[in-house]
Structure formats: structure tokens, C-alpha cells
Amino acid sequence: MGLIKSVENLQQINKELKTKITEFNLAFTKLLNLIHSATR
């Protein structure tokens, strides 16, 4: 029982991490685009 709960918690954390990483990548891309257009 405890093990299954742990696995579920890990999957939830994994899902949240993936979301955060995606958000970070989007923000990073926007930042790079800003820098790129500023240096043109």
C-alpha cells in the first residue's frame, strides 16, 4: 500500500516537473528572441 502511494506521488511530481520545464523553455525562448531582435 505504501509503495503504491509513493509511486503515485512520484508520478505527480514528475508531471509537475515536466510542466515547469516546459514553462521555463517557453520563457527562455522568448528571452532569446528578445535578445536576438535587440541585437539586430
N, C-alpha and C. Protein backbone atom coordinates (compact mmCIF):
# COMPACT_ATOMS: atom_id res chain seq x y z
N MET A 1 0.84 -1.21 0.00
CA MET A 1 0.00 0.00 0.00
C MET A 1 0.87 1.26 0.00
N GLY A 2 1.86 1.27 0.90
CA GLY A 2 2.74 2.44 0.98
C GLY A 2 3.54 2.66 -0.29
N LEU A 3 3.94 1.54 -0.91
CA LEU A 3 4.75 1.62 -2.12
C LEU A 3 3.95 2.23 -3.27
N ILE A 4 2.72 1.77 -3.42
CA ILE A 4 1.85 2.29 -4.49
C ILE A 4 1.65 3.79 -4.32
N LYS A 5 1.45 4.20 -3.07
CA LYS A 5 1.26 5.63 -2.77
C LYS A 5 2.50 6.42 -3.18
N SER A 6 3.66 5.87 -2.89
CA SER A 6 4.92 6.54 -3.23
C SER A 6 5.06 6.70 -4.73
N VAL A 7 4.72 5.64 -5.47
CA VAL A 7 4.81 5.69 -6.93
C VAL A 7 3.87 6.75 -7.48
N GLU A 8 2.65 6.82 -6.94
CA GLU A 8 1.68 7.82 -7.38
C GLU A 8 2.20 9.22 -7.11
N ASN A 9 2.82 9.41 -5.94
CA ASN A 9 3.39 10.71 -5.60
C ASN A 9 4.51 11.08 -6.57
N LEU A 10 5.35 10.10 -6.90
CA LEU A 10 6.45 10.34 -7.84
C LEU A 10 5.92 10.73 -9.21
N GLN A 11 4.88 10.04 -9.67
CA GLN A 11 4.30 10.36 -10.97
C GLN A 11 3.73 11.76 -10.98
N GLN A 12 3.12 12.17 -9.87
CA GLN A 12 2.56 13.52 -9.76
C GLN A 12 3.67 14.57 -9.81
N ILE A 13 4.75 14.31 -9.07
CA ILE A 13 5.90 15.22 -9.06
C ILE A 13 6.51 15.31 -10.46
N ASN A 14 6.62 14.16 -11.12
CA ASN A 14 7.17 14.10 -12.48
C ASN A 14 6.35 14.95 -13.43
N LYS A 15 5.03 14.85 -13.31
CA LYS A 15 4.12 15.61 -14.18
C LYS A 15 4.31 17.11 -13.96
N GLU A 16 4.39 17.50 -12.68
CA GLU A 16 4.56 18.92 -12.35
C GLU A 16 5.91 19.44 -12.83
N LEU A 17 6.94 18.60 -12.71
CA LEU A 17 8.27 19.00 -13.18
C LEU A 17 8.26 19.24 -14.68
N LYS A 18 7.62 18.32 -15.42
CA LYS A 18 7.56 18.47 -16.87
C LYS A 18 6.87 19.77 -17.25
N THR A 19 5.81 20.10 -16.52
CA THR A 19 5.09 21.35 -16.79
C THR A 19 6.00 22.54 -16.54
N LYS A 20 6.72 22.52 -15.41
CA LYS A 20 7.63 23.62 -15.08
C LYS A 20 8.73 23.76 -16.12
N ILE A 21 9.28 22.63 -16.56
CA ILE A 21 10.35 22.66 -17.56
C ILE A 21 9.83 23.25 -18.87
N THR A 22 8.62 22.87 -19.25
CA THR A 22 8.01 23.40 -20.48
C THR A 22 7.84 24.91 -20.36
N GLU A 23 7.33 25.37 -19.21
CA GLU A 23 7.14 26.81 -18.99
C GLU A 23 8.48 27.53 -19.05
N PHE A 24 9.50 26.92 -18.44
CA PHE A 24 10.83 27.52 -18.43
C PHE A 24 11.38 27.64 -19.85
N ASN A 25 11.21 26.56 -20.64
CA ASN A 25 11.69 26.58 -22.03
C ASN A 25 11.01 27.66 -22.84
N LEU A 26 9.70 27.82 -22.64
CA LEU A 26 8.96 28.85 -23.36
C LEU A 26 9.48 30.24 -22.99
N ALA A 27 9.67 30.46 -21.70
CA ALA A 27 10.17 31.76 -21.23
C ALA A 27 11.58 32.02 -21.77
N PHE A 28 12.40 30.98 -21.76
CA PHE A 28 13.77 31.10 -22.23
C PHE A 28 13.80 31.44 -23.72
N THR A 29 12.93 30.80 -24.48
CA THR A 29 12.84 31.05 -25.92
C THR A 29 12.43 32.50 -26.18
N LYS A 30 11.45 32.98 -25.41
CA LYS A 30 11.01 34.37 -25.55
C LYS A 30 12.17 35.32 -25.25
N LEU A 31 12.92 35.00 -24.22
CA LEU A 31 14.07 35.83 -23.84
C LEU A 31 15.11 35.86 -24.96
N LEU A 32 15.40 34.69 -25.50
CA LEU A 32 16.36 34.62 -26.61
C LEU A 32 15.89 35.43 -27.80
N ASN A 33 14.61 35.35 -28.10
CA ASN A 33 14.05 36.12 -29.22
C ASN A 33 14.19 37.62 -28.97
N LEU A 34 13.95 38.02 -27.73
CA LEU A 34 14.10 39.44 -27.39
C LEU A 34 15.53 39.91 -27.59
N ILE A 35 16.46 39.10 -27.10
CA ILE A 35 17.88 39.44 -27.26
C ILE A 35 18.25 39.49 -28.73
N HIS A 36 17.76 38.52 -29.47
CA HIS A 36 18.06 38.44 -30.90
C HIS A 36 17.55 39.68 -31.65
N SER A 37 16.32 40.06 -31.35
CA SER A 37 15.77 41.23 -32.06
C SER A 37 16.40 42.53 -31.57
N ALA A 38 16.93 42.53 -30.36
CA ALA A 38 17.57 43.74 -29.83
C ALA A 38 18.95 43.95 -30.46
N THR A 39 19.59 42.84 -30.84
CA THR A 39 20.94 42.95 -31.39
C THR A 39 20.94 43.10 -32.91
N ARG A 40 19.76 43.04 -33.52
CA ARG A 40 19.70 43.16 -34.97
C ARG A 40 19.91 44.59 -35.43
